[in-house]
Structure formats: C-alpha cells, structure tokens
Amino acid sequence: MEPADHLSADRLYERRWALTLMEQVLRRLKDEYRTAGNAALFDLLKQLLPDEPGAPSRAEIAAQLGMTENAVRQAFHRFRHRYQVLLRRRNQSHCCHCQRY
C-alpha cells in the first residue's frame, strides 16, 4: 500500500497537468478566434464555460455583439465543439509522447 502523501502528490500533479492542458487549449482557441477577427466573440463565449463567475447571459452577449440569441447559441456550440476537438488532440499527443518513454 502506498502512503497517503504519495497519492496526494499524484492527484495534485494530475490536477495541475489537466489545468495546464485546458489553459493551453484555450490559448490556441483564442488565437484562432483572433486570427479570424473574432476576438470579442471569444472573450464573451469563454465566459459561458463552467466555473466562470458572473457570466453574462446569451441574451446579453447577443445584444453586445448585435447578434440574435440563436446565433450566439450556435456560436457557443461551435466554440465548445472546437474546444473539445483541440483538447482531445492535445491530450492524445501528450499520451502518445508519454508512451514513447
């Protein structure tokens, strides 16, 4: 049986690794939106992700950007989908890299 301290260190490492991975993916996604001329859209959609305190509603975002709520809903769906794709790719490349060693 492993000591409790070791398990805590492992969990801490995994949590930090996951947070770093998500931050890298968000930076990549932000760069994609900025390159496409949609930096403001990225900044507002990012606030709809979980754990973002004080996030505006879709209606507020729509009003700020001059879009319909449906358009914001669709944009957020594409945002989340692209985030998931990038996250999976990044995770797979990390796992493949780890298997080499």
PDB file of N, CA and C in Angstrom:
ATOM      1  N   MET A   1       0.843  -1.185   0.000  1.00  0.00           N
ATOM      2  CA  MET A   1       0.000   0.000   0.000  1.00  0.00           C
ATOM      3  C   MET A   1       0.885   1.244   0.000  1.00  0.00           C
ATOM      4  N   GLU A   2       0.494   2.238  -0.826  1.00  0.00           N
ATOM      5  CA  GLU A   2       1.275   3.467  -0.942  1.00  0.00           C
ATOM      6  C   GLU A   2       0.869   4.454   0.137  1.00  0.00           C
ATOM      7  N   PRO A   3       1.822   5.254   0.582  1.00  0.00           N
ATOM      8  CA  PRO A   3       1.486   6.255   1.604  1.00  0.00           C
ATOM      9  C   PRO A   3       0.511   7.291   1.061  1.00  0.00           C
ATOM     10  N   ALA A   4      -0.294   7.856   1.951  1.00  0.00           N
ATOM     11  CA  ALA A   4      -1.308   8.843   1.576  1.00  0.00           C
ATOM     12  C   ALA A   4      -0.675  10.084   0.942  1.00  0.00           C
ATOM     13  N   ASP A   5       0.523  10.485   1.408  1.00  0.00           N
ATOM     14  CA  ASP A   5       1.192  11.660   0.862  1.00  0.00           C
ATOM     15  C   ASP A   5       1.500  11.465  -0.622  1.00  0.00           C
ATOM     16  N   HIS A   6       1.897  10.250  -0.978  1.00  0.00           N
ATOM     17  CA  HIS A   6       2.220   9.971  -2.370  1.00  0.00           C
ATOM     18  C   HIS A   6       0.971  10.101  -3.246  1.00  0.00           C
ATOM     19  N   LEU A   7      -0.136   9.600  -2.767  1.00  0.00           N
ATOM     20  CA  LEU A   7      -1.378   9.703  -3.529  1.00  0.00           C
ATOM     21  C   LEU A   7      -1.792  11.162  -3.688  1.00  0.00           C
ATOM     22  N   SER A   8      -1.633  11.935  -2.652  1.00  0.00           N
ATOM     23  CA  SER A   8      -1.976  13.353  -2.728  1.00  0.00           C
ATOM     24  C   SER A   8      -1.094  14.066  -3.744  1.00  0.00           C
ATOM     25  N   ALA A   9       0.174  13.734  -3.769  1.00  0.00           N
ATOM     26  CA  ALA A   9       1.093  14.339  -4.736  1.00  0.00           C
ATOM     27  C   ALA A   9       0.700  13.948  -6.155  1.00  0.00           C
ATOM     28  N   ASP A  10       0.320  12.700  -6.349  1.00  0.00           N
ATOM     29  CA  ASP A  10      -0.124  12.252  -7.668  1.00  0.00           C
ATOM     30  C   ASP A  10      -1.373  13.007  -8.119  1.00  0.00           C
ATOM     31  N   ARG A  11      -2.308  13.129  -7.214  1.00  0.00           N
ATOM     32  CA  ARG A  11      -3.546  13.845  -7.559  1.00  0.00           C
ATOM     33  C   ARG A  11      -3.271  15.316  -7.841  1.00  0.00           C
ATOM     34  N   LEU A  12      -2.388  15.899  -7.069  1.00  0.00           N
ATOM     35  CA  LEU A  12      -2.028  17.294  -7.287  1.00  0.00           C
ATOM     36  C   LEU A  12      -1.373  17.460  -8.654  1.00  0.00           C
ATOM     37  N   TYR A  13      -0.472  16.552  -8.997  1.00  0.00           N
ATOM     38  CA  TYR A  13       0.188  16.592 -10.298  1.00  0.00           C
ATOM     39  C   TYR A  13      -0.845  16.469 -11.417  1.00  0.00           C
ATOM     40  N   GLU A  14      -1.762  15.506 -11.319  1.00  0.00           N
ATOM     41  CA  GLU A  14      -2.777  15.295 -12.348  1.00  0.00           C
ATOM     42  C   GLU A  14      -3.673  16.517 -12.503  1.00  0.00           C
ATOM     43  N   ARG A  15      -4.028  17.106 -11.392  1.00  0.00           N
ATOM     44  CA  ARG A  15      -4.889  18.299 -11.446  1.00  0.00           C
ATOM     45  C   ARG A  15      -4.157  19.452 -12.131  1.00  0.00           C
ATOM     46  N   ARG A  16      -2.909  19.670 -11.763  1.00  0.00           N
ATOM     47  CA  ARG A  16      -2.136  20.748 -12.385  1.00  0.00           C
ATOM     48  C   ARG A  16      -1.930  20.482 -13.872  1.00  0.00           C
ATOM     49  N   TRP A  17      -1.676  19.220 -14.215  1.00  0.00           N
ATOM     50  CA  TRP A  17      -1.493  18.851 -15.614  1.00  0.00           C
ATOM     51  C   TRP A  17      -2.772  19.147 -16.399  1.00  0.00           C
ATOM     52  N   ALA A  18      -3.923  18.775 -15.855  1.00  0.00           N
ATOM     53  CA  ALA A  18      -5.202  18.994 -16.533  1.00  0.00           C
ATOM     54  C   ALA A  18      -5.485  20.488 -16.693  1.00  0.00           C
ATOM     55  N   LEU A  19      -5.233  21.268 -15.659  1.00  0.00           N
ATOM     56  CA  LEU A  19      -5.459  22.713 -15.746  1.00  0.00           C
ATOM     57  C   LEU A  19      -4.532  23.362 -16.775  1.00  0.00           C
ATOM     58  N   THR A  20      -3.293  22.926 -16.804  1.00  0.00           N
ATOM     59  CA  THR A  20      -2.341  23.446 -17.782  1.00  0.00           C
ATOM     60  C   THR A  20      -2.779  23.093 -19.193  1.00  0.00           C
ATOM     61  N   LEU A  21      -3.222  21.878 -19.375  1.00  0.00           N
ATOM     62  CA  LEU A  21      -3.707  21.423 -20.673  1.00  0.00           C
ATOM     63  C   LEU A  21      -4.889  22.276 -21.142  1.00  0.00           C
ATOM     64  N   MET A  22      -5.843  22.513 -20.253  1.00  0.00           N
ATOM     65  CA  MET A  22      -7.014  23.323 -20.608  1.00  0.00           C
ATOM     66  C   MET A  22      -6.615  24.763 -20.927  1.00  0.00           C
ATOM     67  N   GLU A  23      -5.649  25.315 -20.191  1.00  0.00           N
ATOM     68  CA  GLU A  23      -5.184  26.680 -20.457  1.00  0.00           C
ATOM     69  C   GLU A  23      -4.523  26.767 -21.829  1.00  0.00           C
ATOM     70  N   GLN A  24      -3.716  25.752 -22.177  1.00  0.00           N
ATOM     71  CA  GLN A  24      -3.057  25.732 -23.478  1.00  0.00           C
ATOM     72  C   GLN A  24      -4.081  25.672 -24.608  1.00  0.00           C
ATOM     73  N   VAL A  25      -5.092  24.854 -24.421  1.00  0.00           N
ATOM     74  CA  VAL A  25      -6.135  24.719 -25.433  1.00  0.00           C
ATOM     75  C   VAL A  25      -6.909  26.025 -25.576  1.00  0.00           C
ATOM     76  N   LEU A  26      -7.223  26.671 -24.477  1.00  0.00           N
ATOM     77  CA  LEU A  26      -7.937  27.954 -24.548  1.00  0.00           C
ATOM     78  C   LEU A  26      -7.094  29.018 -25.247  1.00  0.00           C
ATOM     79  N   ARG A  27      -5.787  29.008 -25.005  1.00  0.00           N
ATOM     80  CA  ARG A  27      -4.907  29.963 -25.696  1.00  0.00           C
ATOM     81  C   ARG A  27      -4.913  29.713 -27.201  1.00  0.00           C
ATOM     82  N   ARG A  28      -4.859  28.449 -27.578  1.00  0.00           N
ATOM     83  CA  ARG A  28      -4.894  28.094 -29.004  1.00  0.00           C
ATOM     84  C   ARG A  28      -6.221  28.530 -29.628  1.00  0.00           C
ATOM     85  N   LEU A  29      -7.312  28.271 -28.936  1.00  0.00           N
ATOM     86  CA  LEU A  29      -8.623  28.650 -29.436  1.00  0.00           C
ATOM     87  C   LEU A  29      -8.740  30.173 -29.557  1.00  0.00           C
ATOM     88  N   LYS A  30      -8.212  30.873 -28.576  1.00  0.00           N
ATOM     89  CA  LYS A  30      -8.228  32.342 -28.615  1.00  0.00           C
ATOM     90  C   LYS A  30      -7.448  32.848 -29.817  1.00  0.00           C
ATOM     91  N   ASP A  31      -6.309  32.237 -30.088  1.00  0.00           N
ATOM     92  CA  ASP A  31      -5.519  32.627 -31.253  1.00  0.00           C
ATOM     93  C   ASP A  31      -6.298  32.400 -32.544  1.00  0.00           C
ATOM     94  N   GLU A  32      -7.012  31.288 -32.624  1.00  0.00           N
ATOM     95  CA  GLU A  32      -7.825  31.004 -33.805  1.00  0.00           C
ATOM     96  C   GLU A  32      -8.917  32.058 -33.982  1.00  0.00           C
ATOM     97  N   TYR A  33      -9.595  32.400 -32.904  1.00  0.00           N
ATOM     98  CA  TYR A  33     -10.654  33.410 -32.980  1.00  0.00           C
ATOM     99  C   TYR A  33     -10.071  34.776 -33.330  1.00  0.00           C
ATOM    100  N   ARG A  34      -8.931  35.112 -32.751  1.00  0.00           N
ATOM    101  CA  ARG A  34      -8.295  36.404 -33.029  1.00  0.00           C
ATOM    102  C   ARG A  34      -7.889  36.481 -34.503  1.00  0.00           C
ATOM    103  N   THR A  35      -7.307  35.410 -35.012  1.00  0.00           N
ATOM    104  CA  THR A  35      -6.886  35.376 -36.409  1.00  0.00           C
ATOM    105  C   THR A  35      -8.075  35.561 -37.348  1.00  0.00           C
ATOM    106  N   ALA A  36      -9.218  35.011 -36.968  1.00  0.00           N
ATOM    107  CA  ALA A  36     -10.434  35.133 -37.774  1.00  0.00           C
ATOM    108  C   ALA A  36     -11.152  36.473 -37.551  1.00  0.00           C
ATOM    109  N   GLY A  37     -10.592  37.322 -36.687  1.00  0.00           N
ATOM    110  CA  GLY A  37     -11.211  38.614 -36.406  1.00  0.00           C
ATOM    111  C   GLY A  37     -12.368  38.538 -35.424  1.00  0.00           C
ATOM    112  N   ASN A  38     -12.383  37.492 -34.604  1.00  0.00           N
ATOM    113  CA  ASN A  38     -13.476  37.276 -33.656  1.00  0.00           C
ATOM    114  C   ASN A  38     -13.024  37.278 -32.196  1.00  0.00           C
ATOM    115  N   ALA A  39     -12.068  38.127 -31.882  1.00  0.00           N
ATOM    116  CA  ALA A  39     -11.535  38.158 -30.513  1.00  0.00           C
ATOM    117  C   ALA A  39     -12.627  38.516 -29.496  1.00  0.00           C
ATOM    118  N   ALA A  40     -13.482  39.476 -29.832  1.00  0.00           N
ATOM    119  CA  ALA A  40     -14.550  39.879 -28.896  1.00  0.00           C
ATOM    120  C   ALA A  40     -15.526  38.732 -28.673  1.00  0.00           C
ATOM    121  N   LEU A  41     -15.848  38.014 -29.742  1.00  0.00           N
ATOM    122  CA  LEU A  41     -16.740  36.857 -29.614  1.00  0.00           C
ATOM    123  C   LEU A  41     -16.116  35.815 -28.692  1.00  0.00           C
ATOM    124  N   PHE A  42     -14.824  35.531 -28.863  1.00  0.00           N
ATOM    125  CA  PHE A  42     -14.142  34.573 -27.989  1.00  0.00           C
ATOM    126  C   PHE A  42     -14.251  35.010 -26.536  1.00  0.00           C
ATOM    127  N   ASP A  43     -13.925  36.264 -26.265  1.00  0.00           N
ATOM    128  CA  ASP A  43     -13.931  36.747 -24.878  1.00  0.00           C
ATOM    129  C   ASP A  43     -15.291  36.578 -24.218  1.00  0.00           C
ATOM    130  N   LEU A  44     -16.340  36.802 -24.979  1.00  0.00           N
ATOM    131  CA  LEU A  44     -17.686  36.676 -24.405  1.00  0.00           C
ATOM    132  C   LEU A  44     -18.115  35.215 -24.290  1.00  0.00           C
ATOM    133  N   LEU A  45     -17.829  34.404 -25.308  1.00  0.00           N
ATOM    134  CA  LEU A  45     -18.220  32.992 -25.243  1.00  0.00           C
ATOM    135  C   LEU A  45     -17.467  32.248 -24.152  1.00  0.00           C
ATOM    136  N   LYS A  46     -16.222  32.617 -23.931  1.00  0.00           N
ATOM    137  CA  LYS A  46     -15.420  31.964 -22.892  1.00  0.00           C
ATOM    138  C   LYS A  46     -16.093  32.094 -21.527  1.00  0.00           C
ATOM    139  N   GLN A  47     -16.785  33.186 -21.328  1.00  0.00           N
ATOM    140  CA  GLN A  47     -17.450  33.407 -20.046  1.00  0.00           C
ATOM    141  C   GLN A  47     -18.620  32.444 -19.817  1.00  0.00           C
ATOM    142  N   LEU A  48     -19.092  31.818 -20.879  1.00  0.00           N
ATOM    143  CA  LEU A  48     -20.195  30.862 -20.744  1.00  0.00           C
ATOM    144  C   LEU A  48     -19.717  29.480 -20.309  1.00  0.00           C
ATOM    145  N   LEU A  49     -18.404  29.270 -20.322  1.00  0.00           N
ATOM    146  CA  LEU A  49     -17.873  27.987 -19.862  1.00  0.00           C
ATOM    147  C   LEU A  49     -18.140  27.824 -18.370  1.00  0.00           C
ATOM    148  N   PRO A  50     -18.212  26.599 -17.892  1.00  0.00           N
ATOM    149  CA  PRO A  50     -18.442  26.373 -16.448  1.00  0.00           C
ATOM    150  C   PRO A  50     -17.383  27.058 -15.585  1.00  0.00           C
ATOM    151  N   ASP A  51     -17.789  27.389 -14.399  1.00  0.00           N
ATOM    152  CA  ASP A  51     -16.910  27.987 -13.387  1.00  0.00           C
ATOM    153  C   ASP A  51     -16.482  29.415 -13.699  1.00  0.00           C
ATOM    154  N   GLU A  52     -17.168  30.092 -14.589  1.00  0.00           N
ATOM    155  CA  GLU A  52     -16.873  31.495 -14.849  1.00  0.00           C
ATOM    156  C   GLU A  52     -17.871  32.326 -14.046  1.00  0.00           C
ATOM    157  N   PRO A  53     -17.414  32.955 -12.955  1.00  0.00           N
ATOM    158  CA  PRO A  53     -18.340  33.733 -12.124  1.00  0.00           C
ATOM    159  C   PRO A  53     -18.856  34.970 -12.856  1.00  0.00           C
ATOM    160  N   GLY A  54     -20.116  35.278 -12.633  1.00  0.00           N
ATOM    161  CA  GLY A  54     -20.706  36.480 -13.202  1.00  0.00           C
ATOM    162  C   GLY A  54     -20.834  36.451 -14.717  1.00  0.00           C
ATOM    163  N   ALA A  55     -20.965  35.274 -15.299  1.00  0.00           N
ATOM    164  CA  ALA A  55     -21.064  35.155 -16.750  1.00  0.00           C
ATOM    165  C   ALA A  55     -22.330  35.840 -17.254  1.00  0.00           C
ATOM    166  N   PRO A  56     -22.217  36.556 -18.367  1.00  0.00           N
ATOM    167  CA  PRO A  56     -23.418  37.176 -18.935  1.00  0.00           C
ATOM    168  C   PRO A  56     -24.322  36.110 -19.551  1.00  0.00           C
ATOM    169  N   SER A  57     -25.567  36.462 -19.739  1.00  0.00           N
ATOM    170  CA  SER A  57     -26.497  35.539 -20.389  1.00  0.00           C
ATOM    171  C   SER A  57     -26.247  35.571 -21.897  1.00  0.00           C
ATOM    172  N   ARG A  58     -26.812  34.602 -22.576  1.00  0.00           N
ATOM    173  CA  ARG A  58     -26.699  34.587 -24.041  1.00  0.00           C
ATOM    174  C   ARG A  58     -27.374  35.824 -24.635  1.00  0.00           C
ATOM    175  N   ALA A  59     -28.465  36.250 -24.003  1.00  0.00           N
ATOM    176  CA  ALA A  59     -29.169  37.453 -24.476  1.00  0.00           C
ATOM    177  C   ALA A  59     -28.277  38.688 -24.351  1.00  0.00           C
ATOM    178  N   GLU A  60     -27.544  38.802 -23.246  1.00  0.00           N
ATOM    179  CA  GLU A  60     -26.642  39.944 -23.054  1.00  0.00           C
ATOM    180  C   GLU A  60     -25.512  39.923 -24.078  1.00  0.00           C
ATOM    181  N   ILE A  61     -24.980  38.727 -24.335  1.00  0.00           N
ATOM    182  CA  ILE A  61     -23.909  38.608 -25.325  1.00  0.00           C
ATOM    183  C   ILE A  61     -24.445  38.979 -26.703  1.00  0.00           C
ATOM    184  N   ALA A  62     -25.639  38.491 -27.024  1.00  0.00           N
ATOM    185  CA  ALA A  62     -26.249  38.805 -28.311  1.00  0.00           C
ATOM    186  C   ALA A  62     -26.404  40.313 -28.483  1.00  0.00           C
ATOM    187  N   ALA A  63     -26.873  40.983 -27.442  1.00  0.00           N
ATOM    188  CA  ALA A  63     -27.057  42.436 -27.506  1.00  0.00           C
ATOM    189  C   ALA A  63     -25.727  43.155 -27.700  1.00  0.00           C
ATOM    190  N   GLN A  64     -24.698  42.710 -26.983  1.00  0.00           N
ATOM    191  CA  GLN A  64     -23.378  43.342 -27.087  1.00  0.00           C
ATOM    192  C   GLN A  64     -22.794  43.195 -28.482  1.00  0.00           C
ATOM    193  N   LEU A  65     -23.033  42.054 -29.115  1.00  0.00           N
ATOM    194  CA  LEU A  65     -22.422  41.777 -30.414  1.00  0.00           C
ATOM    195  C   LEU A  65     -23.352  42.053 -31.595  1.00  0.00           C
ATOM    196  N   GLY A  66     -24.585  42.452 -31.297  1.00  0.00           N
ATOM    197  CA  GLY A  66     -25.536  42.705 -32.369  1.00  0.00           C
ATOM    198  C   GLY A  66     -25.946  41.425 -33.083  1.00  0.00           C
ATOM    199  N   MET A  67     -26.083  40.345 -32.317  1.00  0.00           N
ATOM    200  CA  MET A  67     -26.459  39.041 -32.854  1.00  0.00           C
ATOM    201  C   MET A  67     -27.788  38.614 -32.248  1.00  0.00           C
ATOM    202  N   THR A  68     -28.398  37.614 -32.830  1.00  0.00           N
ATOM    203  CA  THR A  68     -29.585  37.027 -32.213  1.00  0.00           C
ATOM    204  C   THR A  68     -29.126  36.022 -31.156  1.00  0.00           C
ATOM    205  N   GLU A  69     -30.031  35.704 -30.231  1.00  0.00           N
ATOM    206  CA  GLU A  69     -29.698  34.681 -29.225  1.00  0.00           C
ATOM    207  C   GLU A  69     -29.411  33.345 -29.888  1.00  0.00           C
ATOM    208  N   ASN A  70     -30.161  33.029 -30.934  1.00  0.00           N
ATOM    209  CA  ASN A  70     -29.930  31.779 -31.641  1.00  0.00           C
ATOM    210  C   ASN A  70     -28.529  31.743 -32.265  1.00  0.00           C
ATOM    211  N   ALA A  71     -28.107  32.867 -32.814  1.00  0.00           N
ATOM    212  CA  ALA A  71     -26.764  32.938 -33.397  1.00  0.00           C
ATOM    213  C   ALA A  71     -25.697  32.751 -32.315  1.00  0.00           C
ATOM    214  N   VAL A  72     -25.922  33.318 -31.142  1.00  0.00           N
ATOM    215  CA  VAL A  72     -24.977  33.147 -30.025  1.00  0.00           C
ATOM    216  C   VAL A  72     -24.976  31.688 -29.584  1.00  0.00           C
ATOM    217  N   ARG A  73     -26.140  31.081 -29.519  1.00  0.00           N
ATOM    218  CA  ARG A  73     -26.239  29.663 -29.140  1.00  0.00           C
ATOM    219  C   ARG A  73     -25.444  28.794 -30.120  1.00  0.00           C
ATOM    220  N   GLN A  74     -25.592  29.061 -31.403  1.00  0.00           N
ATOM    221  CA  GLN A  74     -24.857  28.308 -32.417  1.00  0.00           C
ATOM    222  C   GLN A  74     -23.359  28.574 -32.327  1.00  0.00           C
ATOM    223  N   ALA A  75     -22.994  29.830 -32.124  1.00  0.00           N
ATOM    224  CA  ALA A  75     -21.580  30.178 -31.997  1.00  0.00           C
ATOM    225  C   ALA A  75     -20.967  29.493 -30.781  1.00  0.00           C
ATOM    226  N   PHE A  76     -21.721  29.428 -29.684  1.00  0.00           N
ATOM    227  CA  PHE A  76     -21.207  28.763 -28.486  1.00  0.00           C
ATOM    228  C   PHE A  76     -21.092  27.262 -28.708  1.00  0.00           C
ATOM    229  N   HIS A  77     -22.030  26.696 -29.435  1.00  0.00           N
ATOM    230  CA  HIS A  77     -21.946  25.267 -29.762  1.00  0.00           C
ATOM    231  C   HIS A  77     -20.662  24.991 -30.565  1.00  0.00           C
ATOM    232  N   ARG A  78     -20.389  25.813 -31.574  1.00  0.00           N
ATOM    233  CA  ARG A  78     -19.158  25.642 -32.370  1.00  0.00           C
ATOM    234  C   ARG A  78     -17.918  25.870 -31.504  1.00  0.00           C
ATOM    235  N   PHE A  79     -17.998  26.853 -30.598  1.00  0.00           N
ATOM    236  CA  PHE A  79     -16.887  27.159 -29.683  1.00  0.00           C
ATOM    237  C   PHE A  79     -16.558  25.944 -28.819  1.00  0.00           C
ATOM    238  N   ARG A  80     -17.607  25.366 -28.196  1.00  0.00           N
ATOM    239  CA  ARG A  80     -17.400  24.188 -27.335  1.00  0.00           C
ATOM    240  C   ARG A  80     -16.889  23.001 -28.125  1.00  0.00           C
ATOM    241  N   HIS A  81     -17.436  22.803 -29.324  1.00  0.00           N
ATOM    242  CA  HIS A  81     -17.005  21.681 -30.155  1.00  0.00           C
ATOM    243  C   HIS A  81     -15.527  21.825 -30.520  1.00  0.00           C
ATOM    244  N   ARG A  82     -15.135  23.010 -30.939  1.00  0.00           N
ATOM    245  CA  ARG A  82     -13.725  23.227 -31.303  1.00  0.00           C
ATOM    246  C   ARG A  82     -12.830  23.066 -30.081  1.00  0.00           C
ATOM    247  N   TYR A  83     -13.263  23.547 -28.949  1.00  0.00           N
ATOM    248  CA  TYR A  83     -12.513  23.375 -27.697  1.00  0.00           C
ATOM    249  C   TYR A  83     -12.301  21.885 -27.402  1.00  0.00           C
ATOM    250  N   GLN A  84     -13.371  21.097 -27.544  1.00  0.00           N
ATOM    251  CA  GLN A  84     -13.277  19.657 -27.291  1.00  0.00           C
ATOM    252  C   GLN A  84     -12.324  18.975 -28.267  1.00  0.00           C
ATOM    253  N   VAL A  85     -12.393  19.352 -29.534  1.00  0.00           N
ATOM    254  CA  VAL A  85     -11.500  18.770 -30.543  1.00  0.00           C
ATOM    255  C   VAL A  85     -10.047  19.077 -30.200  1.00  0.00           C
ATOM    256  N   LEU A  86      -9.766  20.337 -29.896  1.00  0.00           N
ATOM    257  CA  LEU A  86      -8.399  20.726 -29.551  1.00  0.00           C
ATOM    258  C   LEU A  86      -7.928  20.031 -28.280  1.00  0.00           C
ATOM    259  N   LEU A  87      -8.802  19.890 -27.305  1.00  0.00           N
ATOM    260  CA  LEU A  87      -8.454  19.233 -26.051  1.00  0.00           C
ATOM    261  C   LEU A  87      -8.120  17.759 -26.295  1.00  0.00           C
ATOM    262  N   ARG A  88      -8.939  17.097 -27.087  1.00  0.00           N
ATOM    263  CA  ARG A  88      -8.667  15.678 -27.398  1.00  0.00           C
ATOM    264  C   ARG A  88      -7.348  15.525 -28.136  1.00  0.00           C
ATOM    265  N   ARG A  89      -7.117  16.381 -29.125  1.00  0.00           N
ATOM    266  CA  ARG A  89      -5.860  16.301 -29.886  1.00  0.00           C
ATOM    267  C   ARG A  89      -4.660  16.518 -28.978  1.00  0.00           C
ATOM    268  N   ARG A  90      -4.758  17.517 -28.150  1.00  0.00           N
ATOM    269  CA  ARG A  90      -3.639  17.835 -27.240  1.00  0.00           C
ATOM    270  C   ARG A  90      -3.410  16.692 -26.271  1.00  0.00           C
ATOM    271  N   ASN A  91      -4.476  16.131 -25.745  1.00  0.00           N
ATOM    272  CA  ASN A  91      -4.367  15.025 -24.805  1.00  0.00           C
ATOM    273  C   ASN A  91      -3.784  13.793 -25.499  1.00  0.00           C
ATOM    274  N   GLN A  92      -4.230  13.500 -26.713  1.00  0.00           N
ATOM    275  CA  GLN A  92      -3.714  12.351 -27.451  1.00  0.00           C
ATOM    276  C   GLN A  92      -2.240  12.517 -27.764  1.00  0.00           C
ATOM    277  N   SER A  93      -1.833  13.709 -28.153  1.00  0.00           N
ATOM    278  CA  SER A  93      -0.416  13.920 -28.462  1.00  0.00           C
ATOM    279  C   SER A  93       0.428  13.776 -27.204  1.00  0.00           C
ATOM    280  N   HIS A  94      -0.104  14.207 -26.064  1.00  0.00           N
ATOM    281  CA  HIS A  94       0.626  14.048 -24.800  1.00  0.00           C
ATOM    282  C   HIS A  94       0.731  12.563 -24.431  1.00  0.00           C
ATOM    283  N   CYS A  95      -0.373  11.827 -24.572  1.00  0.00           N
ATOM    284  CA  CYS A  95      -0.361  10.409 -24.223  1.00  0.00           C
ATOM    285  C   CYS A  95       0.549   9.613 -25.139  1.00  0.00           C
ATOM    286  N   CYS A  96       0.536   9.944 -26.430  1.00  0.00           N
ATOM    287  CA  CYS A  96       1.424   9.258 -27.372  1.00  0.00           C
ATOM    288  C   CYS A  96       2.887   9.545 -27.039  1.00  0.00           C
ATOM    289  N   HIS A  97       3.149  10.775 -26.651  1.00  0.00           N
ATOM    290  CA  HIS A  97       4.510  11.157 -26.274  1.00  0.00           C
ATOM    291  C   HIS A  97       4.969  10.379 -25.035  1.00  0.00           C
ATOM    292  N   CYS A  98       4.076  10.232 -24.066  1.00  0.00           N
ATOM    293  CA  CYS A  98       4.418   9.520 -22.831  1.00  0.00           C
ATOM    294  C   CYS A  98       4.694   8.044 -23.102  1.00  0.00           C
ATOM    295  N   GLN A  99       3.978   7.452 -24.049  1.00  0.00           N
ATOM    296  CA  GLN A  99       4.148   6.033 -24.335  1.00  0.00           C
ATOM    297  C   GLN A  99       5.496   5.749 -24.963  1.00  0.00           C
ATOM    298  N   ARG A 100       6.120   6.725 -25.575  1.00  0.00           N
ATOM    299  CA  ARG A 100       7.425   6.525 -26.211  1.00  0.00           C
ATOM    300  C   ARG A 100       8.535   6.331 -25.182  1.00  0.00           C
ATOM    301  N   TYR A 101       8.298   6.828 -23.989  1.00  0.00           N
ATOM    302  CA  TYR A 101       9.367   6.784 -22.961  1.00  0.00           C
ATOM    303  C   TYR A 101       9.139   5.716 -21.942  1.00  0.00           C
TER     304      TYR A 101
END
